[in-house]
C-alpha cells in the first residue's frame, strides 16, 4: 500500500525509541527498546548509537547499562531526532523540470510542498515530552506489547 507520507525505517526507529526511552525511569538497552518497539535488534542498536553520537541519548556500557535521554524531553523536538537520521526535510518541487512540462500550471497544485511544510512544522513544534506515550507511562502486559494511542483511543499492539 502506498503512502504519501514516507518516513524511513531508521527515522521511525529513532522517534519511537526516543519515546520509549523517555517514558522509562530506568536505563534501557537496545534489546529492551527493540522488544518494546518491535523493530530489529541490530537496526535499533545502530540507530541508538547514532542518537548517542549526536548527544540526543547518553549511553552507559556494561551490565546494567543502557540509554537515557541526553537532554530533557521538553527540549527535544521530533525534528531534532528526524534530522540526525535523515537530514533536514526539503520542500521539493515537482519531479518534472518546469521548462519541459507540457502543463502550464502544476497538476498537483503545490500539495507536495504544502504537505512537506506542514509535516516539517509538526516535527519542529512537537516535543518528545508532548507525545502521549511519554506523558503517561505505557501499561505493558508483557515485554512484547506496546501501548499505542490512535486517534485518542488506546490500543495495545503485540509484536
C-alpha atoms as a PDB file:
ATOM      1  CA  UNK A   1       0.000   0.000   0.000  1.00  0.00           C
ATOM      2  CA  UNK A   2       1.392   3.364  -0.998  1.00  0.00           C
ATOM      3  CA  UNK A   3       1.533   6.284   1.372  1.00  0.00           C
ATOM      4  CA  UNK A   4       2.034   9.965   0.711  1.00  0.00           C
ATOM      5  CA  UNK A   5       4.000  10.281   3.930  1.00  0.00           C
ATOM      6  CA  UNK A   6       7.211   8.296   3.648  1.00  0.00           C
ATOM      7  CA  UNK A   7       9.403   8.094   6.739  1.00  0.00           C
ATOM      8  CA  UNK A   8      12.485   5.901   6.604  1.00  0.00           C
ATOM      9  CA  UNK A   9      12.572   2.888   8.871  1.00  0.00           C
ATOM     10  CA  UNK A  10      15.618   4.354  10.632  1.00  0.00           C
ATOM     11  CA  UNK A  11      13.794   7.629  11.386  1.00  0.00           C
ATOM     12  CA  UNK A  12      10.770   5.689  12.630  1.00  0.00           C
ATOM     13  CA  UNK A  13      13.014   3.561  14.858  1.00  0.00           C
ATOM     14  CA  UNK A  14      14.691   6.708  16.201  1.00  0.00           C
ATOM     15  CA  UNK A  15      11.466   8.550  17.059  1.00  0.00           C
ATOM     16  CA  UNK A  16       9.759   5.509  18.586  1.00  0.00           C
ATOM     17  CA  UNK A  17      12.890   4.509  20.527  1.00  0.00           C
ATOM     18  CA  UNK A  18      13.281   8.015  21.933  1.00  0.00           C
ATOM     19  CA  UNK A  19       9.652   7.903  23.095  1.00  0.00           C
ATOM     20  CA  UNK A  20      10.185   4.521  24.773  1.00  0.00           C
ATOM     21  CA  UNK A  21      13.383   5.710  26.470  1.00  0.00           C
ATOM     22  CA  UNK A  22      11.750   8.981  27.543  1.00  0.00           C
ATOM     23  CA  UNK A  23       8.942   7.171  29.342  1.00  0.00           C
ATOM     24  CA  UNK A  24      11.277   4.791  31.187  1.00  0.00           C
ATOM     25  CA  UNK A  25      12.632   5.575  34.624  1.00  0.00           C
ATOM     26  CA  UNK A  26      15.438   3.049  34.118  1.00  0.00           C
ATOM     27  CA  UNK A  27      18.227   2.768  31.578  1.00  0.00           C
ATOM     28  CA  UNK A  28      17.119   0.678  28.610  1.00  0.00           C
ATOM     29  CA  UNK A  29      19.496  -1.284  26.417  1.00  0.00           C
ATOM     30  CA  UNK A  30      18.985  -1.679  22.681  1.00  0.00           C
ATOM     31  CA  UNK A  31      17.448  -5.158  23.058  1.00  0.00           C
ATOM     32  CA  UNK A  32      14.848  -3.869  25.504  1.00  0.00           C
ATOM     33  CA  UNK A  33      13.995  -0.978  23.191  1.00  0.00           C
ATOM     34  CA  UNK A  34      13.748  -3.340  20.204  1.00  0.00           C
ATOM     35  CA  UNK A  35      11.450  -5.661  22.162  1.00  0.00           C
ATOM     36  CA  UNK A  36       9.145  -2.790  23.077  1.00  0.00           C
ATOM     37  CA  UNK A  37       9.036  -1.293  19.586  1.00  0.00           C
ATOM     38  CA  UNK A  38       9.102  -4.475  17.515  1.00  0.00           C
ATOM     39  CA  UNK A  39      11.976  -3.294  15.335  1.00  0.00           C
ATOM     40  CA  UNK A  40      15.054  -5.364  14.530  1.00  0.00           C
ATOM     41  CA  UNK A  41      17.540  -5.539  17.409  1.00  0.00           C
ATOM     42  CA  UNK A  42      20.506  -4.852  15.123  1.00  0.00           C
ATOM     43  CA  UNK A  43      18.894  -1.886  13.361  1.00  0.00           C
ATOM     44  CA  UNK A  44      17.696  -0.466  16.673  1.00  0.00           C
ATOM     45  CA  UNK A  45      21.202  -0.763  18.153  1.00  0.00           C
ATOM     46  CA  UNK A  46      22.704   1.102  15.183  1.00  0.00           C
ATOM     47  CA  UNK A  47      20.130   3.883  15.347  1.00  0.00           C
ATOM     48  CA  UNK A  48      20.567   4.297  19.112  1.00  0.00           C
ATOM     49  CA  UNK A  49      24.336   4.629  18.641  1.00  0.00           C
ATOM     50  CA  UNK A  50      23.786   7.427  16.098  1.00  0.00           C
ATOM     51  CA  UNK A  51      21.425   9.202  18.508  1.00  0.00           C
ATOM     52  CA  UNK A  52      24.062   8.886  21.236  1.00  0.00           C
ATOM     53  CA  UNK A  53      26.768  10.186  18.892  1.00  0.00           C
ATOM     54  CA  UNK A  54      24.703  13.343  18.389  1.00  0.00           C
ATOM     55  CA  UNK A  55      24.012  13.555  22.141  1.00  0.00           C
ATOM     56  CA  UNK A  56      20.245  13.055  21.956  1.00  0.00           C
ATOM     57  CA  UNK A  57      20.919   9.997  24.103  1.00  0.00           C
ATOM     58  CA  UNK A  58      23.514   9.207  26.736  1.00  0.00           C
ATOM     59  CA  UNK A  59      24.783   5.670  26.996  1.00  0.00           C
ATOM     60  CA  UNK A  60      26.276   3.634  29.796  1.00  0.00           C
ATOM     61  CA  UNK A  61      28.244   0.495  28.972  1.00  0.00           C
ATOM     62  CA  UNK A  62      28.398  -2.812  30.771  1.00  0.00           C
ATOM     63  CA  UNK A  63      25.955  -4.894  32.770  1.00  0.00           C
ATOM     64  CA  UNK A  64      23.034  -2.750  33.815  1.00  0.00           C
ATOM     65  CA  UNK A  65      23.979  -0.197  31.171  1.00  0.00           C
ATOM     66  CA  UNK A  66      21.750   1.263  28.539  1.00  0.00           C
ATOM     67  CA  UNK A  67      20.413   4.523  27.219  1.00  0.00           C
ATOM     68  CA  UNK A  68      18.735   7.569  28.688  1.00  0.00           C
ATOM     69  CA  UNK A  69      17.854  10.935  27.192  1.00  0.00           C
ATOM     70  CA  UNK A  70      20.739  13.313  26.598  1.00  0.00           C
ATOM     71  CA  UNK A  71      18.521  16.328  27.324  1.00  0.00           C
ATOM     72  CA  UNK A  72      15.160  16.938  28.915  1.00  0.00           C
ATOM     73  CA  UNK A  73      12.269  15.603  26.810  1.00  0.00           C
ATOM     74  CA  UNK A  74      10.791  19.129  26.746  1.00  0.00           C
ATOM     75  CA  UNK A  75      13.860  20.321  24.838  1.00  0.00           C
ATOM     76  CA  UNK A  76      13.914  17.621  22.144  1.00  0.00           C
ATOM     77  CA  UNK A  77      11.723  18.098  19.096  1.00  0.00           C
ATOM     78  CA  UNK A  78      10.813  15.289  16.743  1.00  0.00           C
ATOM     79  CA  UNK A  79      12.666  17.282  14.088  1.00  0.00           C
ATOM     80  CA  UNK A  80      15.857  17.071  16.182  1.00  0.00           C
ATOM     81  CA  UNK A  81      15.534  13.282  16.049  1.00  0.00           C
ATOM     82  CA  UNK A  82      14.482  13.123  12.395  1.00  0.00           C
ATOM     83  CA  UNK A  83      17.295  15.448  11.287  1.00  0.00           C
ATOM     84  CA  UNK A  84      20.006  13.324  12.941  1.00  0.00           C
ATOM     85  CA  UNK A  85      18.863  10.256  10.998  1.00  0.00           C
ATOM     86  CA  UNK A  86      17.560  11.551   7.658  1.00  0.00           C
ATOM     87  CA  UNK A  87      18.781  15.124   7.434  1.00  0.00           C
ATOM     88  CA  UNK A  88      16.583  18.174   7.039  1.00  0.00           C
ATOM     89  CA  UNK A  89      13.251  17.996   5.228  1.00  0.00           C
ATOM     90  CA  UNK A  90      13.370  19.887   1.981  1.00  0.00           C
ATOM     91  CA  UNK A  91      10.350  21.394   0.294  1.00  0.00           C
ATOM     92  CA  UNK A  92      10.689  19.874  -3.148  1.00  0.00           C
ATOM     93  CA  UNK A  93       9.001  20.839  -6.327  1.00  0.00           C
ATOM     94  CA  UNK A  94       7.546  18.527  -8.941  1.00  0.00           C
ATOM     95  CA  UNK A  95       9.948  15.924 -10.316  1.00  0.00           C
ATOM     96  CA  UNK A  96       9.491  17.222 -13.830  1.00  0.00           C
ATOM     97  CA  UNK A  97      11.501  20.209 -14.981  1.00  0.00           C
ATOM     98  CA  UNK A  98       9.108  23.158 -15.400  1.00  0.00           C
ATOM     99  CA  UNK A  99      10.804  24.170 -18.646  1.00  0.00           C
ATOM    100  CA  UNK A 100       9.813  20.898 -20.329  1.00  0.00           C
ATOM    101  CA  UNK A 101       6.456  20.375 -18.589  1.00  0.00           C
ATOM    102  CA  UNK A 102       3.559  20.171 -21.061  1.00  0.00           C
ATOM    103  CA  UNK A 103       1.146  21.548 -18.439  1.00  0.00           C
ATOM    104  CA  UNK A 104       1.085  25.298 -17.815  1.00  0.00           C
ATOM    105  CA  UNK A 105       0.348  25.102 -14.078  1.00  0.00           C
ATOM    106  CA  UNK A 106       1.239  22.480 -11.508  1.00  0.00           C
ATOM    107  CA  UNK A 107      -1.016  19.437 -11.750  1.00  0.00           C
ATOM    108  CA  UNK A 108      -0.743  18.850  -8.018  1.00  0.00           C
ATOM    109  CA  UNK A 109      -1.370  22.477  -7.110  1.00  0.00           C
ATOM    110  CA  UNK A 110       1.609  22.642  -4.783  1.00  0.00           C
ATOM    111  CA  UNK A 111       0.227  19.921  -2.451  1.00  0.00           C
ATOM    112  CA  UNK A 112       3.589  18.191  -2.039  1.00  0.00           C
ATOM    113  CA  UNK A 113       5.160  21.432  -0.862  1.00  0.00           C
ATOM    114  CA  UNK A 114       2.200  22.153   1.435  1.00  0.00           C
ATOM    115  CA  UNK A 115       2.310  18.658   2.977  1.00  0.00           C
ATOM    116  CA  UNK A 116       6.070  18.876   3.468  1.00  0.00           C
ATOM    117  CA  UNK A 117       5.830  22.304   5.125  1.00  0.00           C
ATOM    118  CA  UNK A 118       3.038  21.104   7.442  1.00  0.00           C
ATOM    119  CA  UNK A 119       4.873  17.888   8.333  1.00  0.00           C
ATOM    120  CA  UNK A 120       8.090  19.829   8.941  1.00  0.00           C
ATOM    121  CA  UNK A 121       6.201  22.291  11.148  1.00  0.00           C
ATOM    122  CA  UNK A 122       4.708  19.394  13.118  1.00  0.00           C
ATOM    123  CA  UNK A 123       8.146  17.828  13.655  1.00  0.00           C
ATOM    124  CA  UNK A 124       9.681  21.159  14.693  1.00  0.00           C
ATOM    125  CA  UNK A 125       6.894  22.028  17.134  1.00  0.00           C
ATOM    126  CA  UNK A 126       6.204  18.581  18.616  1.00  0.00           C
ATOM    127  CA  UNK A 127       8.430  17.982  21.615  1.00  0.00           C
ATOM    128  CA  UNK A 128       9.228  14.494  22.825  1.00  0.00           C
ATOM    129  CA  UNK A 129       7.616  15.266  26.189  1.00  0.00           C
ATOM    130  CA  UNK A 130       4.310  16.126  24.491  1.00  0.00           C
ATOM    131  CA  UNK A 131       3.867  12.698  22.913  1.00  0.00           C
ATOM    132  CA  UNK A 132       1.005  10.735  24.526  1.00  0.00           C
ATOM    133  CA  UNK A 133       3.260   7.720  25.146  1.00  0.00           C
ATOM    134  CA  UNK A 134       5.728   9.921  27.032  1.00  0.00           C
ATOM    135  CA  UNK A 135       3.193  11.904  29.062  1.00  0.00           C
ATOM    136  CA  UNK A 136       1.812   8.782  30.686  1.00  0.00           C
ATOM    137  CA  UNK A 137       3.692   5.541  31.147  1.00  0.00           C
ATOM    138  CA  UNK A 138       2.590   2.669  28.936  1.00  0.00           C
ATOM    139  CA  UNK A 139       0.723  -0.181  30.545  1.00  0.00           C
ATOM    140  CA  UNK A 140       2.722  -3.086  29.248  1.00  0.00           C
ATOM    141  CA  UNK A 141       1.090  -6.506  29.544  1.00  0.00           C
ATOM    142  CA  UNK A 142       4.283  -8.250  28.515  1.00  0.00           C
ATOM    143  CA  UNK A 143       7.688  -7.264  27.199  1.00  0.00           C
ATOM    144  CA  UNK A 144       6.342  -7.669  23.656  1.00  0.00           C
ATOM    145  CA  UNK A 145       3.344  -5.370  23.856  1.00  0.00           C
ATOM    146  CA  UNK A 146       3.334  -1.636  23.484  1.00  0.00           C
ATOM    147  CA  UNK A 147       0.552   0.766  24.286  1.00  0.00           C
ATOM    148  CA  UNK A 148      -0.374   2.927  21.361  1.00  0.00           C
ATOM    149  CA  UNK A 149      -2.743   5.804  21.213  1.00  0.00           C
ATOM    150  CA  UNK A 150      -4.514   6.118  17.914  1.00  0.00           C
ATOM    151  CA  UNK A 151      -6.917   8.967  17.386  1.00  0.00           C
ATOM    152  CA  UNK A 152      -7.410   9.381  21.126  1.00  0.00           C
ATOM    153  CA  UNK A 153      -8.207   5.683  21.560  1.00  0.00           C
ATOM    154  CA  UNK A 154      -5.849   3.368  23.335  1.00  0.00           C
ATOM    155  CA  UNK A 155      -4.900   0.109  21.629  1.00  0.00           C
ATOM    156  CA  UNK A 156      -2.395  -2.488  22.677  1.00  0.00           C
ATOM    157  CA  UNK A 157      -0.337  -3.740  19.751  1.00  0.00           C
ATOM    158  CA  UNK A 158       1.517  -7.012  20.192  1.00  0.00           C
ATOM    159  CA  UNK A 159       4.566  -7.760  18.096  1.00  0.00           C
END
